[in-house]
PDB file of all heavy atoms in Angstrom:
ATOM      1  N   ILE A   1      -6.010  13.452  11.808  1.00  0.00           N
ATOM      2  CA  ILE A   1      -7.088  13.428  12.499  1.00  0.00           C
ATOM      3  C   ILE A   1      -6.646  13.506  14.209  1.00  0.00           C
ATOM      4  O   ILE A   1      -6.020  12.584  14.575  1.00  0.00           O
ATOM      5  CB  ILE A   1      -8.180  12.433  12.420  1.00  0.00           C
ATOM      6  CG1 ILE A   1      -8.553  12.450  10.937  1.00  0.00           C
ATOM      7  CG2 ILE A   1      -9.311  12.473  13.269  1.00  0.00           C
ATOM      8  CD1 ILE A   1      -9.289  11.269  10.514  1.00  0.00           C
ATOM      9  N   ARG A   2      -6.950  14.615  14.838  1.00  0.00           N
ATOM     10  CA  ARG A   2      -6.596  14.612  16.258  1.00  0.00           C
ATOM     11  C   ARG A   2      -7.439  13.809  17.016  1.00  0.00           C
ATOM     12  O   ARG A   2      -8.692  13.803  17.004  1.00  0.00           O
ATOM     13  CB  ARG A   2      -6.690  16.221  16.773  1.00  0.00           C
ATOM     14  CG  ARG A   2      -6.391  16.095  18.329  1.00  0.00           C
ATOM     15  CD  ARG A   2      -6.647  17.615  18.693  1.00  0.00           C
ATOM     16  NE  ARG A   2      -5.438  18.421  18.807  1.00  0.00           N
ATOM     17  CZ  ARG A   2      -4.340  18.276  19.699  1.00  0.00           C
ATOM     18  NH1 ARG A   2      -4.721  17.528  20.826  1.00  0.00           N
ATOM     19  NH2 ARG A   2      -3.304  19.006  19.660  1.00  0.00           N
ATOM     20  N   THR A   3      -6.743  12.854  17.924  1.00  0.00           N
ATOM     21  CA  THR A   3      -7.552  12.058  18.892  1.00  0.00           C
ATOM     22  C   THR A   3      -6.852  12.149  20.256  1.00  0.00           C
ATOM     23  O   THR A   3      -5.810  12.831  20.301  1.00  0.00           O
ATOM     24  CB  THR A   3      -7.471  10.604  18.439  1.00  0.00           C
ATOM     25  OG1 THR A   3      -6.235   9.896  18.772  1.00  0.00           O
ATOM     26  CG2 THR A   3      -7.952  10.559  16.952  1.00  0.00           C
ATOM     27  N   GLU A   4      -7.526  11.679  21.255  1.00  0.00           N
ATOM     28  CA  GLU A   4      -6.867  11.713  22.597  1.00  0.00           C
ATOM     29  C   GLU A   4      -5.571  10.992  22.622  1.00  0.00           C
ATOM     30  O   GLU A   4      -4.810  11.350  23.564  1.00  0.00           O
ATOM     31  CB  GLU A   4      -7.911  11.143  23.502  1.00  0.00           C
ATOM     32  CG  GLU A   4      -8.345   9.597  23.403  1.00  0.00           C
ATOM     33  CD  GLU A   4      -9.390   9.226  24.318  1.00  0.00           C
ATOM     34  OE1 GLU A   4     -10.014  10.046  24.935  1.00  0.00           O
ATOM     35  OE2 GLU A   4      -9.559   7.960  24.385  1.00  0.00           O
ATOM     36  N   LYS A   5      -5.427   9.947  21.747  1.00  0.00           N
ATOM     37  CA  LYS A   5      -4.158   9.098  21.822  1.00  0.00           C
ATOM     38  C   LYS A   5      -3.048   9.567  20.868  1.00  0.00           C
ATOM     39  O   LYS A   5      -1.896   9.020  21.006  1.00  0.00           O
ATOM     40  CB  LYS A   5      -4.540   7.695  21.613  1.00  0.00           C
ATOM     41  CG  LYS A   5      -5.368   7.097  22.775  1.00  0.00           C
ATOM     42  CD  LYS A   5      -5.561   5.617  22.553  1.00  0.00           C
ATOM     43  CE  LYS A   5      -6.355   5.011  23.629  1.00  0.00           C
ATOM     44  NZ  LYS A   5      -6.478   3.452  23.290  1.00  0.00           N
ATOM     45  N   GLY A   6      -3.399  10.444  19.909  1.00  0.00           N
ATOM     46  CA  GLY A   6      -2.416  10.866  18.988  1.00  0.00           C
ATOM     47  C   GLY A   6      -3.066  11.206  17.612  1.00  0.00           C
ATOM     48  O   GLY A   6      -4.270  11.236  17.553  1.00  0.00           O
ATOM     49  N   TRP A   7      -2.199  11.609  16.629  1.00  0.00           N
ATOM     50  CA  TRP A   7      -2.723  12.061  15.427  1.00  0.00           C
ATOM     51  C   TRP A   7      -2.821  10.709  14.651  1.00  0.00           C
ATOM     52  O   TRP A   7      -1.890  10.068  14.475  1.00  0.00           O
ATOM     53  CB  TRP A   7      -1.693  13.000  14.643  1.00  0.00           C
ATOM     54  CG  TRP A   7      -1.690  14.333  15.401  1.00  0.00           C
ATOM     55  CD1 TRP A   7      -0.676  14.741  16.270  1.00  0.00           C
ATOM     56  CD2 TRP A   7      -2.545  15.380  15.251  1.00  0.00           C
ATOM     57  NE1 TRP A   7      -0.916  16.108  16.609  1.00  0.00           N
ATOM     58  CE2 TRP A   7      -2.066  16.443  15.990  1.00  0.00           C
ATOM     59  CE3 TRP A   7      -3.735  15.552  14.479  1.00  0.00           C
ATOM     60  CZ2 TRP A   7      -2.753  17.794  15.918  1.00  0.00           C
ATOM     61  CZ3 TRP A   7      -4.440  16.883  14.499  1.00  0.00           C
ATOM     62  CH2 TRP A   7      -3.924  17.878  15.225  1.00  0.00           C
ATOM     63  N   ILE A   8      -4.091  10.619  13.957  1.00  0.00           N
ATOM     64  CA  ILE A   8      -4.286   9.400  13.062  1.00  0.00           C
ATOM     65  C   ILE A   8      -4.018   9.937  11.674  1.00  0.00           C
ATOM     66  O   ILE A   8      -4.700  10.793  11.207  1.00  0.00           O
ATOM     67  CB  ILE A   8      -5.729   8.874  13.207  1.00  0.00           C
ATOM     68  CG1 ILE A   8      -6.000   8.442  14.639  1.00  0.00           C
ATOM     69  CG2 ILE A   8      -5.965   7.816  12.219  1.00  0.00           C
ATOM     70  CD1 ILE A   8      -5.126   7.118  14.995  1.00  0.00           C
ATOM     71  N   HIS A   9      -3.247   9.194  11.018  1.00  0.00           N
ATOM     72  CA  HIS A   9      -2.889   9.492   9.522  1.00  0.00           C
ATOM     73  C   HIS A   9      -3.369   8.385   8.660  1.00  0.00           C
ATOM     74  O   HIS A   9      -3.317   7.227   8.972  1.00  0.00           O
ATOM     75  CB  HIS A   9      -1.342   9.469   9.361  1.00  0.00           C
ATOM     76  CG  HIS A   9      -0.641  10.652  10.151  1.00  0.00           C
ATOM     77  ND1 HIS A   9      -0.122  11.861   9.608  1.00  0.00           N
ATOM     78  CD2 HIS A   9      -0.435  10.807  11.502  1.00  0.00           C
ATOM     79  CE1 HIS A   9       0.399  12.491  10.562  1.00  0.00           C
ATOM     80  NE2 HIS A   9       0.329  11.884  11.822  1.00  0.00           N
ATOM     81  N   ILE A  10      -4.056   8.721   7.575  1.00  0.00           N
ATOM     82  CA  ILE A  10      -4.495   7.830   6.475  1.00  0.00           C
ATOM     83  C   ILE A  10      -3.681   8.224   5.283  1.00  0.00           C
ATOM     84  O   ILE A  10      -3.828   9.161   4.623  1.00  0.00           O
ATOM     85  CB  ILE A  10      -6.007   8.115   6.285  1.00  0.00           C
ATOM     86  CG1 ILE A  10      -6.747   7.825   7.608  1.00  0.00           C
ATOM     87  CG2 ILE A  10      -6.454   6.926   5.300  1.00  0.00           C
ATOM     88  CD1 ILE A  10      -8.230   8.094   7.650  1.00  0.00           C
ATOM     89  N   ALA A  11      -2.717   7.251   4.821  1.00  0.00           N
ATOM     90  CA  ALA A  11      -1.748   7.533   3.930  1.00  0.00           C
ATOM     91  C   ALA A  11      -1.943   6.533   2.713  1.00  0.00           C
ATOM     92  O   ALA A  11      -2.849   5.737   2.785  1.00  0.00           O
ATOM     93  CB  ALA A  11      -0.418   7.566   4.395  1.00  0.00           C
ATOM     94  N   HIS A  12      -1.055   6.635   1.903  1.00  0.00           N
ATOM     95  CA  HIS A  12      -0.922   5.631   0.715  1.00  0.00           C
ATOM     96  C   HIS A  12       0.471   4.954   0.682  1.00  0.00           C
ATOM     97  O   HIS A  12       1.430   5.490   0.837  1.00  0.00           O
ATOM     98  CB  HIS A  12      -1.396   6.028  -0.649  1.00  0.00           C
ATOM     99  CG  HIS A  12      -0.352   7.010  -1.244  1.00  0.00           C
ATOM    100  ND1 HIS A  12      -0.316   8.365  -1.195  1.00  0.00           N
ATOM    101  CD2 HIS A  12       0.691   6.743  -2.058  1.00  0.00           C
ATOM    102  CE1 HIS A  12       0.696   8.871  -1.760  1.00  0.00           C
ATOM    103  NE2 HIS A  12       1.279   7.969  -2.397  1.00  0.00           N
ATOM    104  N   GLY A  13       0.495   3.626   0.389  1.00  0.00           N
ATOM    105  CA  GLY A  13       1.736   2.985   0.098  1.00  0.00           C
ATOM    106  C   GLY A  13       1.728   2.267  -1.156  1.00  0.00           C
ATOM    107  O   GLY A  13       0.681   1.979  -1.856  1.00  0.00           O
ATOM    108  N   VAL A  14       2.934   2.072  -1.760  1.00  0.00           N
ATOM    109  CA  VAL A  14       3.033   1.628  -3.199  1.00  0.00           C
ATOM    110  C   VAL A  14       4.147   0.470  -3.149  1.00  0.00           C
ATOM    111  O   VAL A  14       5.218   0.718  -2.597  1.00  0.00           O
ATOM    112  CB  VAL A  14       3.440   2.692  -4.130  1.00  0.00           C
ATOM    113  CG1 VAL A  14       3.430   2.169  -5.670  1.00  0.00           C
ATOM    114  CG2 VAL A  14       2.456   3.947  -3.929  1.00  0.00           C
ATOM    115  N   ARG A  15       3.700  -0.609  -3.860  1.00  0.00           N
ATOM    116  CA  ARG A  15       4.744  -1.622  -4.109  1.00  0.00           C
ATOM    117  C   ARG A  15       4.726  -2.085  -5.576  1.00  0.00           C
ATOM    118  O   ARG A  15       3.900  -1.782  -6.380  1.00  0.00           O
ATOM    119  CB  ARG A  15       4.496  -2.819  -3.257  1.00  0.00           C
ATOM    120  CG  ARG A  15       3.185  -3.644  -3.492  1.00  0.00           C
ATOM    121  CD  ARG A  15       3.121  -4.847  -2.770  1.00  0.00           C
ATOM    122  NE  ARG A  15       1.950  -5.622  -2.957  1.00  0.00           N
ATOM    123  CZ  ARG A  15       1.764  -6.678  -3.735  1.00  0.00           C
ATOM    124  NH1 ARG A  15       2.895  -7.124  -4.330  1.00  0.00           N
ATOM    125  NH2 ARG A  15       0.772  -7.358  -3.812  1.00  0.00           N
ATOM    126  N   ASN A  16       5.907  -2.538  -6.048  1.00  0.00           N
ATOM    127  CA  ASN A  16       5.942  -3.175  -7.334  1.00  0.00           C
ATOM    128  C   ASN A  16       5.345  -4.489  -7.396  1.00  0.00           C
ATOM    129  O   ASN A  16       5.509  -5.249  -6.523  1.00  0.00           O
ATOM    130  CB  ASN A  16       7.436  -3.070  -7.750  1.00  0.00           C
ATOM    131  CG  ASN A  16       7.986  -1.819  -8.089  1.00  0.00           C
ATOM    132  OD1 ASN A  16       7.546  -1.068  -8.850  1.00  0.00           O
ATOM    133  ND2 ASN A  16       9.077  -1.303  -7.330  1.00  0.00           N
ATOM    134  N   THR A  17       4.711  -4.721  -8.574  1.00  0.00           N
ATOM    135  CA  THR A  17       4.292  -6.102  -8.940  1.00  0.00           C
ATOM    136  C   THR A  17       4.548  -6.342 -10.292  1.00  0.00           C
ATOM    137  O   THR A  17       4.973  -5.550 -11.111  1.00  0.00           O
ATOM    138  CB  THR A  17       2.676  -6.185  -8.623  1.00  0.00           C
ATOM    139  OG1 THR A  17       2.085  -5.547  -9.820  1.00  0.00           O
ATOM    140  CG2 THR A  17       2.266  -5.574  -7.435  1.00  0.00           C
ATOM    141  N   ALA A  18       4.339  -7.651 -10.724  1.00  0.00           N
ATOM    142  CA  ALA A  18       4.594  -7.958 -12.137  1.00  0.00           C
ATOM    143  C   ALA A  18       3.720  -7.287 -13.040  1.00  0.00           C
ATOM    144  O   ALA A  18       4.004  -7.139 -14.258  1.00  0.00           O
ATOM    145  CB  ALA A  18       4.556  -9.660 -12.333  1.00  0.00           C
ATOM    146  N   ALA A  19       2.568  -6.796 -12.475  1.00  0.00           N
ATOM    147  CA  ALA A  19       1.626  -6.113 -13.363  1.00  0.00           C
ATOM    148  C   ALA A  19       1.705  -4.496 -13.252  1.00  0.00           C
ATOM    149  O   ALA A  19       0.847  -3.784 -13.689  1.00  0.00           O
ATOM    150  CB  ALA A  19       0.226  -6.531 -12.932  1.00  0.00           C
ATOM    151  N   GLY A  20       2.736  -4.126 -12.496  1.00  0.00           N
ATOM    152  CA  GLY A  20       2.957  -2.590 -12.240  1.00  0.00           C
ATOM    153  C   GLY A  20       2.742  -2.306 -10.883  1.00  0.00           C
ATOM    154  O   GLY A  20       2.695  -3.117 -10.022  1.00  0.00           O
ATOM    155  N   LEU A  21       2.778  -1.000 -10.556  1.00  0.00           N
ATOM    156  CA  LEU A  21       2.580  -0.558  -9.272  1.00  0.00           C
ATOM    157  C   LEU A  21       1.263  -0.772  -8.616  1.00  0.00           C
ATOM    158  O   LEU A  21       0.222  -0.724  -9.349  1.00  0.00           O
ATOM    159  CB  LEU A  21       2.890   0.959  -9.103  1.00  0.00           C
ATOM    160  CG  LEU A  21       4.267   1.412  -9.570  1.00  0.00           C
ATOM    161  CD1 LEU A  21       4.386   2.991  -9.580  1.00  0.00           C
ATOM    162  CD2 LEU A  21       5.364   0.840  -8.695  1.00  0.00           C
ATOM    163  N   ARG A  22       1.144  -1.147  -7.421  1.00  0.00           N
ATOM    164  CA  ARG A  22      -0.031  -1.383  -6.607  1.00  0.00           C
ATOM    165  C   ARG A  22      -0.247  -0.351  -5.463  1.00  0.00           C
ATOM    166  O   ARG A  22       0.670  -0.368  -4.697  1.00  0.00           O
ATOM    167  CB  ARG A  22      -0.241  -2.773  -6.057  1.00  0.00           C
ATOM    168  CG  ARG A  22      -1.495  -3.095  -5.400  1.00  0.00           C
ATOM    169  CD  ARG A  22      -1.629  -4.549  -4.975  1.00  0.00           C
ATOM    170  NE  ARG A  22      -3.030  -4.807  -4.629  1.00  0.00           N
ATOM    171  CZ  ARG A  22      -3.367  -5.215  -3.403  1.00  0.00           C
ATOM    172  NH1 ARG A  22      -2.589  -5.076  -2.417  1.00  0.00           N
ATOM    173  NH2 ARG A  22      -4.655  -5.383  -3.082  1.00  0.00           N
ATOM    174  N   TYR A  23      -1.214   0.384  -5.535  1.00  0.00           N
ATOM    175  CA  TYR A  23      -1.438   1.518  -4.462  1.00  0.00           C
ATOM    176  C   TYR A  23      -2.436   0.949  -3.505  1.00  0.00           C
ATOM    177  O   TYR A  23      -3.504   0.527  -3.903  1.00  0.00           O
ATOM    178  CB  TYR A  23      -1.938   2.817  -4.985  1.00  0.00           C
ATOM    179  CG  TYR A  23      -0.855   3.639  -5.702  1.00  0.00           C
ATOM    180  CD1 TYR A  23      -0.201   3.289  -6.898  1.00  0.00           C
ATOM    181  CD2 TYR A  23      -0.594   4.922  -5.120  1.00  0.00           C
ATOM    182  CE1 TYR A  23       0.777   4.036  -7.512  1.00  0.00           C
ATOM    183  CE2 TYR A  23       0.390   5.733  -5.722  1.00  0.00           C
ATOM    184  CZ  TYR A  23       1.017   5.324  -6.944  1.00  0.00           C
ATOM    185  OH  TYR A  23       1.951   6.078  -7.539  1.00  0.00           O
ATOM    186  N   VAL A  24      -2.199   1.184  -2.106  1.00  0.00           N
ATOM    187  CA  VAL A  24      -3.111   0.838  -1.195  1.00  0.00           C
ATOM    188  C   VAL A  24      -3.180   1.930  -0.187  1.00  0.00           C
ATOM    189  O   VAL A  24      -2.169   2.916  -0.198  1.00  0.00           O
ATOM    190  CB  VAL A  24      -2.791  -0.522  -0.443  1.00  0.00           C
ATOM    191  CG1 VAL A  24      -2.780  -1.656  -1.347  1.00  0.00           C
ATOM    192  CG2 VAL A  24      -1.514  -0.378   0.308  1.00  0.00           C
ATOM    193  N   VAL A  25      -4.102   1.922   0.771  1.00  0.00           N
ATOM    194  CA  VAL A  25      -4.298   2.902   1.806  1.00  0.00           C
ATOM    195  C   VAL A  25      -3.743   2.217   3.146  1.00  0.00           C
ATOM    196  O   VAL A  25      -4.404   1.088   3.351  1.00  0.00           O
ATOM    197  CB  VAL A  25      -5.692   3.506   1.754  1.00  0.00           C
ATOM    198  CG1 VAL A  25      -5.894   4.274   2.969  1.00  0.00           C
ATOM    199  CG2 VAL A  25      -6.046   4.202   0.606  1.00  0.00           C
ATOM    200  N   TYR A  26      -3.113   2.977   3.908  1.00  0.00           N
ATOM    201  CA  TYR A  26      -2.719   2.439   5.138  1.00  0.00           C
ATOM    202  C   TYR A  26      -2.906   3.496   6.326  1.00  0.00           C
ATOM    203  O   TYR A  26      -3.123   4.738   5.886  1.00  0.00           O
ATOM    204  CB  TYR A  26      -1.377   1.708   5.189  1.00  0.00           C
ATOM    205  CG  TYR A  26      -0.069   2.720   5.197  1.00  0.00           C
ATOM    206  CD1 TYR A  26       0.465   2.933   6.278  1.00  0.00           C
ATOM    207  CD2 TYR A  26       0.073   3.449   4.020  1.00  0.00           C
ATOM    208  CE1 TYR A  26       1.600   3.846   6.256  1.00  0.00           C
ATOM    209  CE2 TYR A  26       1.261   4.190   3.998  1.00  0.00           C
ATOM    210  CZ  TYR A  26       1.999   4.473   5.151  1.00  0.00           C
ATOM    211  OH  TYR A  26       3.155   5.340   5.167  1.00  0.00           O
ATOM    212  N   ALA A  27      -2.657   3.196   7.500  1.00  0.00           N
ATOM    213  CA  ALA A  27      -2.849   4.071   8.709  1.00  0.00           C
ATOM    214  C   ALA A  27      -1.684   4.083   9.649  1.00  0.00           C
ATOM    215  O   ALA A  27      -1.149   2.848   9.714  1.00  0.00           O
ATOM    216  CB  ALA A  27      -4.209   3.909   9.309  1.00  0.00           C
ATOM    217  N   PHE A  28      -1.419   5.101  10.227  1.00  0.00           N
ATOM    218  CA  PHE A  28      -0.544   5.080  11.359  1.00  0.00           C
ATOM    219  C   PHE A  28      -0.859   6.233  12.251  1.00  0.00           C
ATOM    220  O   PHE A  28      -1.706   7.044  12.066  1.00  0.00           O
ATOM    221  CB  PHE A  28       0.946   5.129  10.871  1.00  0.00           C
ATOM    222  CG  PHE A  28       1.318   6.402  10.044  1.00  0.00           C
ATOM    223  CD1 PHE A  28       2.026   7.505  10.847  1.00  0.00           C
ATOM    224  CD2 PHE A  28       1.085   6.470   8.782  1.00  0.00           C
ATOM    225  CE1 PHE A  28       2.286   8.609  10.085  1.00  0.00           C
ATOM    226  CE2 PHE A  28       1.399   7.642   8.038  1.00  0.00           C
ATOM    227  CZ  PHE A  28       2.039   8.717   8.674  1.00  0.00           C
ATOM    228  N   ALA A  29      -0.239   6.371  13.291  1.00  0.00           N
ATOM    229  CA  ALA A  29      -0.401   7.392  14.381  1.00  0.00           C
ATOM    230  C   ALA A  29       0.868   8.086  14.812  1.00  0.00           C
ATOM    231  O   ALA A  29       1.972   7.441  14.879  1.00  0.00           O
ATOM    232  CB  ALA A  29      -1.064   6.861  15.674  1.00  0.00           C
ATOM    233  N   THR A  30       0.813   9.374  14.980  1.00  0.00           N
ATOM    234  CA  THR A  30       1.938  10.148  15.529  1.00  0.00           C
ATOM    235  C   THR A  30       1.636  10.850  16.808  1.00  0.00           C
ATOM    236  O   THR A  30       0.435  10.962  17.234  1.00  0.00           O
ATOM    237  CB  THR A  30       2.497  11.171  14.491  1.00  0.00           C
ATOM    238  OG1 THR A  30       1.397  12.024  14.278  1.00  0.00           O
ATOM    239  CG2 THR A  30       2.995  10.532  13.293  1.00  0.00           C
ATOM    240  N   ASP A  31       2.658  11.259  17.577  1.00  0.00           N
ATOM    241  CA  ASP A  31       2.520  11.806  18.861  1.00  0.00           C
ATOM    242  C   ASP A  31       1.779  13.181  18.819  1.00  0.00           C
ATOM    243  O   ASP A  31       2.065  13.985  17.903  1.00  0.00           O
ATOM    244  CB  ASP A  31       3.932  11.928  19.532  1.00  0.00           C
ATOM    245  CG  ASP A  31       3.813  12.434  20.983  1.00  0.00           C
ATOM    246  OD1 ASP A  31       3.551  11.699  21.860  1.00  0.00           O
ATOM    247  OD2 ASP A  31       4.132  13.670  21.262  1.00  0.00           O
ATOM    248  N   LEU A  32       0.887  13.438  19.885  1.00  0.00           N
ATOM    249  CA  LEU A  32       0.242  14.701  19.771  1.00  0.00           C
ATOM    250  C   LEU A  32       1.131  15.976  19.938  1.00  0.00           C
ATOM    251  O   LEU A  32       0.954  16.957  19.309  1.00  0.00           O
ATOM    252  CB  LEU A  32      -0.866  14.703  20.932  1.00  0.00           C
ATOM    253  CG  LEU A  32      -2.074  13.938  20.746  1.00  0.00           C
ATOM    254  CD1 LEU A  32      -3.014  14.132  22.015  1.00  0.00           C
ATOM    255  CD2 LEU A  32      -2.962  14.438  19.614  1.00  0.00           C
ATOM    256  N   LYS A  33       2.202  15.807  20.667  1.00  0.00           N
ATOM    257  CA  LYS A  33       3.076  16.861  21.017  1.00  0.00           C
ATOM    258  C   LYS A  33       4.157  16.924  19.777  1.00  0.00           C
ATOM    259  O   LYS A  33       4.696  18.101  19.589  1.00  0.00           O
ATOM    260  CB  LYS A  33       3.686  16.852  22.380  1.00  0.00           C
ATOM    261  CG  LYS A  33       2.645  16.954  23.496  1.00  0.00           C
ATOM    262  CD  LYS A  33       3.370  17.060  24.826  1.00  0.00           C
ATOM    263  CE  LYS A  33       2.382  17.263  25.937  1.00  0.00           C
ATOM    264  NZ  LYS A  33       2.959  17.176  27.200  1.00  0.00           N
ATOM    265  N   ASP A  34       4.482  15.815  19.381  1.00  0.00           N
ATOM    266  CA  ASP A  34       5.533  15.747  18.366  1.00  0.00           C
ATOM    267  C   ASP A  34       5.024  14.976  17.109  1.00  0.00           C
ATOM    268  O   ASP A  34       5.228  13.817  17.056  1.00  0.00           O
ATOM    269  CB  ASP A  34       6.836  15.165  18.770  1.00  0.00           C
ATOM    270  CG  ASP A  34       8.034  15.027  17.738  1.00  0.00           C
ATOM    271  OD1 ASP A  34       7.697  15.563  16.669  1.00  0.00           O
ATOM    272  OD2 ASP A  34       8.947  14.399  18.060  1.00  0.00           O
ATOM    273  N   PRO A  35       4.334  15.644  16.161  1.00  0.00           N
ATOM    274  CA  PRO A  35       3.561  14.988  15.111  1.00  0.00           C
ATOM    275  C   PRO A  35       4.612  14.307  14.142  1.00  0.00           C
ATOM    276  O   PRO A  35       4.118  13.627  13.245  1.00  0.00           O
ATOM    277  CB  PRO A  35       2.856  16.103  14.275  1.00  0.00           C
ATOM    278  CG  PRO A  35       2.749  17.275  15.383  1.00  0.00           C
ATOM    279  CD  PRO A  35       3.919  17.103  16.265  1.00  0.00           C
TER     280      PRO A  35
END
């Protein structure tokens, strides 16, 4: 998502647990000129 401060990314992350993989959603931002 383009914003005035940078590109907002909504992604997923995965970690191992004793019950198997756990997927969550996380966010980060990248530079407007260098995504």
